[in-house]
Amino acid sequence: MNFKEILKDALRNNTKIIVTGKSGWGKSEMVKQVAEEEGYELIDFRLSEILPEDLVGIPKLRDDYYEYVPPRWLYEVTQNPDKKYLLFLDEITQGTPEVLNITYKI
């Protein structure tokens, strides 16, 4: 089974996977191709370039407590349950500790 088939199999079975390998081997491009071929809208984050708020939203004061306003991508996913989405968290090893803490919860 090649890499592309493994990705497609993971999508069909709703399985989370971690893809590892050296830089420049085409991992990210392969994920994009598979998402397109399988009809998924790709939500692509480079963890080295984002803030925690990009994943969970921002806090907003409401009465005497805070609630989180979801980021746009999460709003779109929850408002379109019939669409298929692929959340791709790239460059995991380069994310800040704060971003990684959120990522592990996802």
Foldseek 3Di string as FASTA:
>chain_A
DDPLVVLLVCLVVVHDDDDDDDPPPCPVVSNVVSCVVVQADEDEDAQLPDDLCQQAADWDDDDPDTDGDGHPVVVVCVVCVPHHYDYHYPNLVNHDPRNNVSVVVD
